[in-house]
Structure formats: structure tokens, C-alpha cells
Amino acid sequence: MSTTIHVSDELLAAVDRRAKDLRLTRNRYIVQALERSLRSDTAWSPAFVEALRAAGRDRQLQRTLAEMRAAIKANRMSKGPPEL
């Protein structure tokens, strides 16, 4: 089935370069990227996601996570902290 999507010129150029490097057509590269994304998006069960949400509402856990993020940030050597 064919479809139309709209992407920036810069993104399309990057897709074309990567597809060429991998010796894939643009279409095949995009299809593989979509398939990979769908697999990773469904890797966590709804119960696990809900447990994460519930944990986010726990004040003690929030304090513990904030301490953990601060410790990680303080000990990183080569780059800034990741966005969490």
C-alpha cells in the first residue's frame, strides 16, 4: 500500500544518506525503521507502564529518584546529563 508523508528536506536527505550507506532503498529503510519502532514501542506491558506511573506518584520514590539523578549528574565525565 502506498502513502504520503511530509518530512523536512534535511530529514529526507539524512534518510537518503543512511539508506545509501546501508545499500537499501529509501522505502526499505523507512519500512525497517517503522518496524523497529513498533517492536520497541510494544516491548513494555501495559501493567509495567502503569506500575511506572504509580511509582511516579510515590513521594518517597520521587525523592530517591531525584537523589539518584543528582548522583549520576555529579559523576558524569564526558557529557551532560540525559533528559529524563
N, C-alpha and C. Protein backbone atom coordinates (compact mmCIF):
# COMPACT_ATOMS: atom_id res chain seq x y z
N MET A 1 0.84 -1.17 0.00
CA MET A 1 0.00 0.00 0.00
C MET A 1 0.89 1.24 0.00
N SER A 2 0.53 2.21 -0.74
CA SER A 2 1.33 3.43 -0.75
C SER A 2 0.67 4.48 0.12
N THR A 3 1.49 5.41 0.61
CA THR A 3 1.01 6.51 1.43
C THR A 3 1.90 7.72 1.21
N THR A 4 1.49 8.85 1.71
CA THR A 4 2.28 10.06 1.59
C THR A 4 2.57 10.58 2.98
N ILE A 5 3.83 10.95 3.22
CA ILE A 5 4.19 11.60 4.47
C ILE A 5 4.93 12.89 4.14
N HIS A 6 4.97 13.80 5.08
CA HIS A 6 5.66 15.06 4.87
C HIS A 6 6.80 15.16 5.88
N VAL A 7 8.03 15.31 5.38
CA VAL A 7 9.21 15.46 6.22
C VAL A 7 10.03 16.64 5.69
N SER A 8 10.89 17.15 6.55
CA SER A 8 11.73 18.26 6.12
C SER A 8 12.75 17.79 5.09
N ASP A 9 13.26 18.74 4.34
CA ASP A 9 14.30 18.42 3.35
C ASP A 9 15.52 17.82 4.04
N GLU A 10 15.85 18.36 5.20
CA GLU A 10 17.03 17.88 5.93
C GLU A 10 16.85 16.43 6.38
N LEU A 11 15.66 16.10 6.90
CA LEU A 11 15.40 14.74 7.34
C LEU A 11 15.43 13.78 6.16
N LEU A 12 14.83 14.16 5.06
CA LEU A 12 14.82 13.29 3.88
C LEU A 12 16.24 13.07 3.36
N ALA A 13 17.05 14.11 3.37
CA ALA A 13 18.44 13.96 2.93
C ALA A 13 19.20 13.00 3.85
N ALA A 14 18.95 13.11 5.16
CA ALA A 14 19.60 12.20 6.11
C ALA A 14 19.15 10.76 5.90
N VAL A 15 17.86 10.58 5.64
CA VAL A 15 17.33 9.24 5.36
C VAL A 15 17.98 8.69 4.10
N ASP A 16 18.07 9.50 3.07
CA ASP A 16 18.68 9.04 1.82
C ASP A 16 20.15 8.66 2.03
N ARG A 17 20.88 9.47 2.78
CA ARG A 17 22.29 9.15 3.03
C ARG A 17 22.43 7.83 3.78
N ARG A 18 21.62 7.64 4.83
CA ARG A 18 21.71 6.41 5.62
C ARG A 18 21.30 5.21 4.78
N ALA A 19 20.24 5.33 4.02
CA ALA A 19 19.80 4.23 3.16
C ALA A 19 20.90 3.86 2.16
N LYS A 20 21.52 4.87 1.58
CA LYS A 20 22.60 4.62 0.62
C LYS A 20 23.76 3.91 1.30
N ASP A 21 24.14 4.38 2.50
CA ASP A 21 25.24 3.75 3.24
C ASP A 21 24.94 2.28 3.52
N LEU A 22 23.68 1.98 3.78
CA LEU A 22 23.28 0.60 4.09
C LEU A 22 22.90 -0.20 2.84
N ARG A 23 23.00 0.46 1.69
CA ARG A 23 22.65 -0.17 0.41
C ARG A 23 21.21 -0.65 0.39
N LEU A 24 20.33 0.21 0.90
CA LEU A 24 18.90 -0.05 0.90
C LEU A 24 18.20 1.04 0.10
N THR A 25 17.02 0.72 -0.39
CA THR A 25 16.22 1.78 -0.99
C THR A 25 15.67 2.65 0.15
N ARG A 26 15.29 3.86 -0.19
CA ARG A 26 14.67 4.75 0.80
C ARG A 26 13.46 4.06 1.42
N ASN A 27 12.62 3.47 0.55
CA ASN A 27 11.41 2.81 1.03
C ASN A 27 11.74 1.70 2.03
N ARG A 28 12.70 0.85 1.67
CA ARG A 28 13.04 -0.28 2.55
C ARG A 28 13.60 0.23 3.88
N TYR A 29 14.42 1.25 3.84
CA TYR A 29 14.99 1.81 5.06
C TYR A 29 13.88 2.35 5.97
N ILE A 30 12.94 3.08 5.40
CA ILE A 30 11.84 3.65 6.19
C ILE A 30 10.96 2.55 6.76
N VAL A 31 10.66 1.53 5.95
CA VAL A 31 9.84 0.41 6.43
C VAL A 31 10.55 -0.27 7.61
N GLN A 32 11.85 -0.53 7.48
CA GLN A 32 12.59 -1.16 8.58
C GLN A 32 12.59 -0.29 9.83
N ALA A 33 12.73 1.01 9.66
CA ALA A 33 12.72 1.92 10.81
C ALA A 33 11.35 1.90 11.50
N LEU A 34 10.29 1.89 10.73
CA LEU A 34 8.95 1.82 11.31
C LEU A 34 8.73 0.50 12.03
N GLU A 35 9.16 -0.60 11.42
CA GLU A 35 9.01 -1.91 12.06
C GLU A 35 9.78 -1.96 13.37
N ARG A 36 11.00 -1.43 13.37
CA ARG A 36 11.83 -1.40 14.58
C ARG A 36 11.15 -0.56 15.67
N SER A 37 10.60 0.57 15.28
CA SER A 37 9.92 1.44 16.23
C SER A 37 8.70 0.76 16.84
N LEU A 38 7.92 0.10 16.02
CA LEU A 38 6.74 -0.59 16.53
C LEU A 38 7.10 -1.72 17.48
N ARG A 39 8.17 -2.44 17.19
CA ARG A 39 8.60 -3.50 18.10
C ARG A 39 9.02 -2.92 19.44
N SER A 40 9.78 -1.84 19.41
CA SER A 40 10.27 -1.28 20.67
C SER A 40 9.15 -0.59 21.44
N ASP A 41 8.17 -0.01 20.75
CA ASP A 41 7.06 0.65 21.43
C ASP A 41 6.20 -0.35 22.20
N THR A 42 6.16 -1.59 21.77
CA THR A 42 5.31 -2.58 22.42
C THR A 42 6.09 -3.51 23.33
N ALA A 43 7.34 -3.17 23.62
CA ALA A 43 8.17 -4.05 24.43
C ALA A 43 7.72 -4.07 25.89
N TRP A 44 7.08 -3.02 26.38
CA TRP A 44 6.65 -2.97 27.78
C TRP A 44 5.16 -3.25 27.86
N SER A 45 4.81 -4.07 28.82
CA SER A 45 3.40 -4.41 29.01
C SER A 45 2.66 -3.22 29.61
N PRO A 46 1.36 -3.14 29.37
CA PRO A 46 0.56 -2.08 29.99
C PRO A 46 0.67 -2.09 31.51
N ALA A 47 0.78 -3.28 32.12
CA ALA A 47 0.90 -3.37 33.58
C ALA A 47 2.20 -2.72 34.05
N PHE A 48 3.28 -2.93 33.31
CA PHE A 48 4.57 -2.33 33.67
C PHE A 48 4.50 -0.81 33.56
N VAL A 49 3.90 -0.32 32.49
CA VAL A 49 3.77 1.13 32.30
C VAL A 49 2.94 1.73 33.42
N GLU A 50 1.86 1.06 33.81
CA GLU A 50 1.04 1.56 34.91
C GLU A 50 1.81 1.54 36.22
N ALA A 51 2.64 0.52 36.43
CA ALA A 51 3.47 0.47 37.65
C ALA A 51 4.43 1.65 37.68
N LEU A 52 4.98 2.01 36.53
CA LEU A 52 5.85 3.18 36.46
C LEU A 52 5.09 4.46 36.80
N ARG A 53 3.88 4.57 36.27
CA ARG A 53 3.07 5.75 36.57
C ARG A 53 2.76 5.84 38.06
N ALA A 54 2.39 4.71 38.65
CA ALA A 54 2.08 4.68 40.08
C ALA A 54 3.31 5.05 40.90
N ALA A 55 4.46 4.55 40.48
CA ALA A 55 5.70 4.87 41.19
C ALA A 55 5.99 6.36 41.12
N GLY A 56 5.62 6.98 40.02
CA GLY A 56 5.83 8.42 39.86
C GLY A 56 4.99 9.25 40.81
N ARG A 57 3.94 8.65 41.34
CA ARG A 57 3.09 9.36 42.31
C ARG A 57 3.55 9.15 43.74
N ASP A 58 4.53 8.29 43.97
CA ASP A 58 5.05 7.97 45.30
C ASP A 58 6.10 9.01 45.69
N ARG A 59 5.82 9.83 46.71
CA ARG A 59 6.72 10.93 47.08
C ARG A 59 8.10 10.44 47.53
N GLN A 60 8.15 9.36 48.30
CA GLN A 60 9.44 8.85 48.75
C GLN A 60 10.26 8.37 47.56
N LEU A 61 9.61 7.69 46.64
CA LEU A 61 10.31 7.22 45.44
C LEU A 61 10.77 8.39 44.60
N GLN A 62 9.97 9.45 44.51
CA GLN A 62 10.38 10.64 43.76
C GLN A 62 11.64 11.25 44.36
N ARG A 63 11.71 11.30 45.70
CA ARG A 63 12.93 11.83 46.35
C ARG A 63 14.13 10.94 46.06
N THR A 64 13.91 9.63 46.13
CA THR A 64 15.01 8.69 45.85
C THR A 64 15.51 8.84 44.42
N LEU A 65 14.58 8.96 43.48
CA LEU A 65 14.96 9.12 42.07
C LEU A 65 15.69 10.45 41.85
N ALA A 66 15.25 11.51 42.53
CA ALA A 66 15.93 12.80 42.40
C ALA A 66 17.36 12.70 42.93
N GLU A 67 17.56 12.01 44.04
CA GLU A 67 18.91 11.80 44.58
C GLU A 67 19.76 11.00 43.60
N MET A 68 19.16 9.98 43.01
CA MET A 68 19.89 9.14 42.05
C MET A 68 20.29 9.95 40.83
N ARG A 69 19.36 10.77 40.29
CA ARG A 69 19.69 11.61 39.14
C ARG A 69 20.80 12.60 39.47
N ALA A 70 20.75 13.17 40.68
CA ALA A 70 21.78 14.13 41.09
C ALA A 70 23.14 13.44 41.17
N ALA A 71 23.17 12.22 41.72
CA ALA A 71 24.43 11.48 41.83
C ALA A 71 24.98 11.15 40.44
N ILE A 72 24.11 10.74 39.53
CA ILE A 72 24.55 10.43 38.17
C ILE A 72 25.10 11.69 37.50
N LYS A 73 24.37 12.79 37.63
CA LYS A 73 24.80 14.05 37.03
C LYS A 73 26.15 14.49 37.58
N ALA A 74 26.33 14.36 38.88
CA ALA A 74 27.58 14.79 39.52
C ALA A 74 28.78 13.94 39.08
N ASN A 75 28.54 12.71 38.68
CA ASN A 75 29.63 11.80 38.35
C ASN A 75 29.86 11.59 36.87
N ARG A 76 29.10 12.27 36.03
CA ARG A 76 29.31 12.14 34.59
C ARG A 76 30.58 12.90 34.21
N MET A 77 31.36 12.30 33.35
CA MET A 77 32.64 12.91 32.97
C MET A 77 32.60 13.60 31.61
N SER A 78 32.02 12.96 30.61
CA SER A 78 32.21 13.43 29.25
C SER A 78 31.04 14.17 28.64
N LYS A 79 29.86 14.03 29.17
CA LYS A 79 28.74 14.73 28.57
C LYS A 79 27.73 15.12 29.64
N GLY A 80 26.84 15.97 29.25
CA GLY A 80 25.82 16.43 30.18
C GLY A 80 24.85 15.33 30.52
N PRO A 81 23.99 15.58 31.51
CA PRO A 81 23.04 14.54 31.92
C PRO A 81 21.98 14.32 30.85
N PRO A 82 21.47 13.09 30.78
CA PRO A 82 20.41 12.83 29.81
C PRO A 82 19.11 13.46 30.27
N GLU A 83 18.24 13.75 29.33
CA GLU A 83 16.91 14.24 29.67
C GLU A 83 16.10 13.07 30.21
N LEU A 84 15.55 13.23 31.39
CA LEU A 84 14.72 12.16 31.97
C LEU A 84 13.29 12.59 32.08
